[in-house]
Amino acid sequence: MQCMCGGDAKTSSAERRPLKAELSFYVCRECQLVSCGVLYIEGIEIAIDAGTTGSDRIAFNSLTVESARQLYADAITPQSSTTTTGEQATFDF
């Protein structure tokens, strides 16, 4: 991958084994910019930071056993797009 500065970016990762969490990201060899991070818990994609805001790293660094369990549970719980009566649900974003 090529960095915004024109340098070559390599894939890197960090792990927190007790929480079964991994953060995968790119690091530019020239300017050391960290970008495009993805946070995984037990192999499930939890958070993505396609830019350089660091939201994935903040989530990774602040993980606790409880928050890791909750993020994992939220990620594997199917989100229904219909109501109990079978009508299409509406969402306000």
Protein backbone atom coordinates (compact mmCIF):
# COMPACT_ATOMS: atom_id res chain seq x y z
CA MET A 1 0.00 0.00 0.00
CA GLN A 2 1.18 3.52 -0.69
CA CYS A 3 0.99 6.24 1.96
CA MET A 4 -0.28 9.78 1.35
CA CYS A 5 3.35 10.95 1.49
CA GLY A 6 4.24 8.61 -1.37
CA GLY A 7 6.13 6.17 0.83
CA ASP A 8 5.56 2.43 1.08
CA ALA A 9 3.29 1.29 3.94
CA LYS A 10 3.71 -2.13 5.54
CA THR A 11 1.16 -4.22 7.41
CA SER A 12 1.63 -4.48 11.15
CA SER A 13 -0.40 -5.75 14.09
CA ALA A 14 -0.70 -5.77 17.86
CA GLU A 15 -2.31 -8.40 20.07
CA ARG A 16 -3.87 -8.53 23.51
CA ARG A 17 -3.99 -12.29 24.03
CA PRO A 18 -6.00 -12.41 27.27
CA LEU A 19 -8.79 -10.51 25.49
CA LYS A 20 -8.36 -12.41 22.19
CA ALA A 21 -8.03 -9.02 20.47
CA GLU A 22 -5.89 -8.08 17.48
CA LEU A 23 -5.35 -4.72 15.82
CA SER A 24 -4.17 -4.84 12.20
CA PHE A 25 -2.97 -1.63 10.51
CA TYR A 26 -0.56 -0.06 8.01
CA VAL A 27 2.56 1.90 8.98
CA CYS A 28 4.37 4.09 6.46
CA ARG A 29 8.11 3.32 6.27
CA GLU A 30 8.86 6.96 5.42
CA CYS A 31 6.69 9.19 7.65
CA GLN A 32 5.55 6.54 10.22
CA LEU A 33 1.87 7.41 9.67
CA VAL A 34 -0.46 4.71 11.01
CA SER A 35 -3.63 4.17 9.00
CA CYS A 36 -6.38 1.78 7.92
CA GLY A 37 -6.70 -0.11 11.17
CA VAL A 38 -9.09 -2.96 11.88
CA LEU A 39 -9.87 -4.26 15.37
CA TYR A 40 -10.72 -7.98 15.67
CA ILE A 41 -11.97 -9.82 18.75
CA GLU A 42 -11.90 -13.61 18.49
CA GLY A 43 -11.42 -13.20 14.73
CA ILE A 44 -14.56 -11.08 14.28
CA GLU A 45 -14.18 -7.60 12.76
CA ILE A 46 -15.27 -5.12 15.43
CA ALA A 47 -14.08 -1.66 14.37
CA ILE A 48 -12.59 -0.18 11.22
CA ASP A 49 -10.71 3.08 10.84
CA ALA A 50 -10.22 3.59 7.11
CA GLY A 51 -8.36 6.84 7.73
CA THR A 52 -5.96 8.10 10.35
CA THR A 53 -8.31 9.12 13.19
CA GLY A 54 -7.17 6.30 15.45
CA SER A 55 -10.64 5.21 16.60
CA ASP A 56 -9.64 1.57 16.24
CA ARG A 57 -6.46 2.11 18.29
CA ILE A 58 -8.39 3.97 20.99
CA ALA A 59 -10.85 1.06 21.22
CA PHE A 60 -7.96 -1.45 21.31
CA ASN A 61 -6.05 0.43 24.01
CA SER A 62 -9.10 0.89 26.22
CA LEU A 63 -10.35 -2.71 26.04
CA THR A 64 -11.29 -4.45 29.25
CA VAL A 65 -12.57 -7.99 29.65
CA GLU A 66 -16.11 -6.64 29.95
CA SER A 67 -15.90 -4.26 26.98
CA ALA A 68 -14.28 -6.92 24.78
CA ARG A 69 -17.09 -9.36 25.62
CA GLN A 70 -19.74 -6.71 24.88
CA LEU A 71 -18.17 -5.66 21.56
CA TYR A 72 -17.92 -9.31 20.52
CA ALA A 73 -21.53 -10.02 21.53
CA ASP A 74 -22.75 -6.95 19.63
CA ALA A 75 -20.81 -8.03 16.53
CA ILE A 76 -22.19 -11.57 16.41
CA THR A 77 -25.80 -10.69 17.25
CA PRO A 78 -27.80 -10.51 14.03
CA GLN A 79 -29.54 -7.20 13.48
CA SER A 80 -33.12 -7.75 12.35
CA SER A 81 -34.51 -5.49 9.63
CA THR A 82 -38.12 -6.51 10.24
CA THR A 83 -40.48 -6.04 13.15
CA THR A 84 -42.19 -8.87 15.03
CA THR A 85 -45.26 -8.44 12.82
CA GLY A 86 -43.21 -8.88 9.66
CA GLU A 87 -43.42 -5.24 8.63
CA GLN A 88 -40.31 -3.52 7.34
CA ALA A 89 -38.60 -1.57 10.10
CA THR A 90 -37.49 2.01 9.55
CA PHE A 91 -34.26 3.45 10.86
CA ASP A 92 -33.36 7.07 11.59
CA PHE A 93 -29.68 7.79 11.06
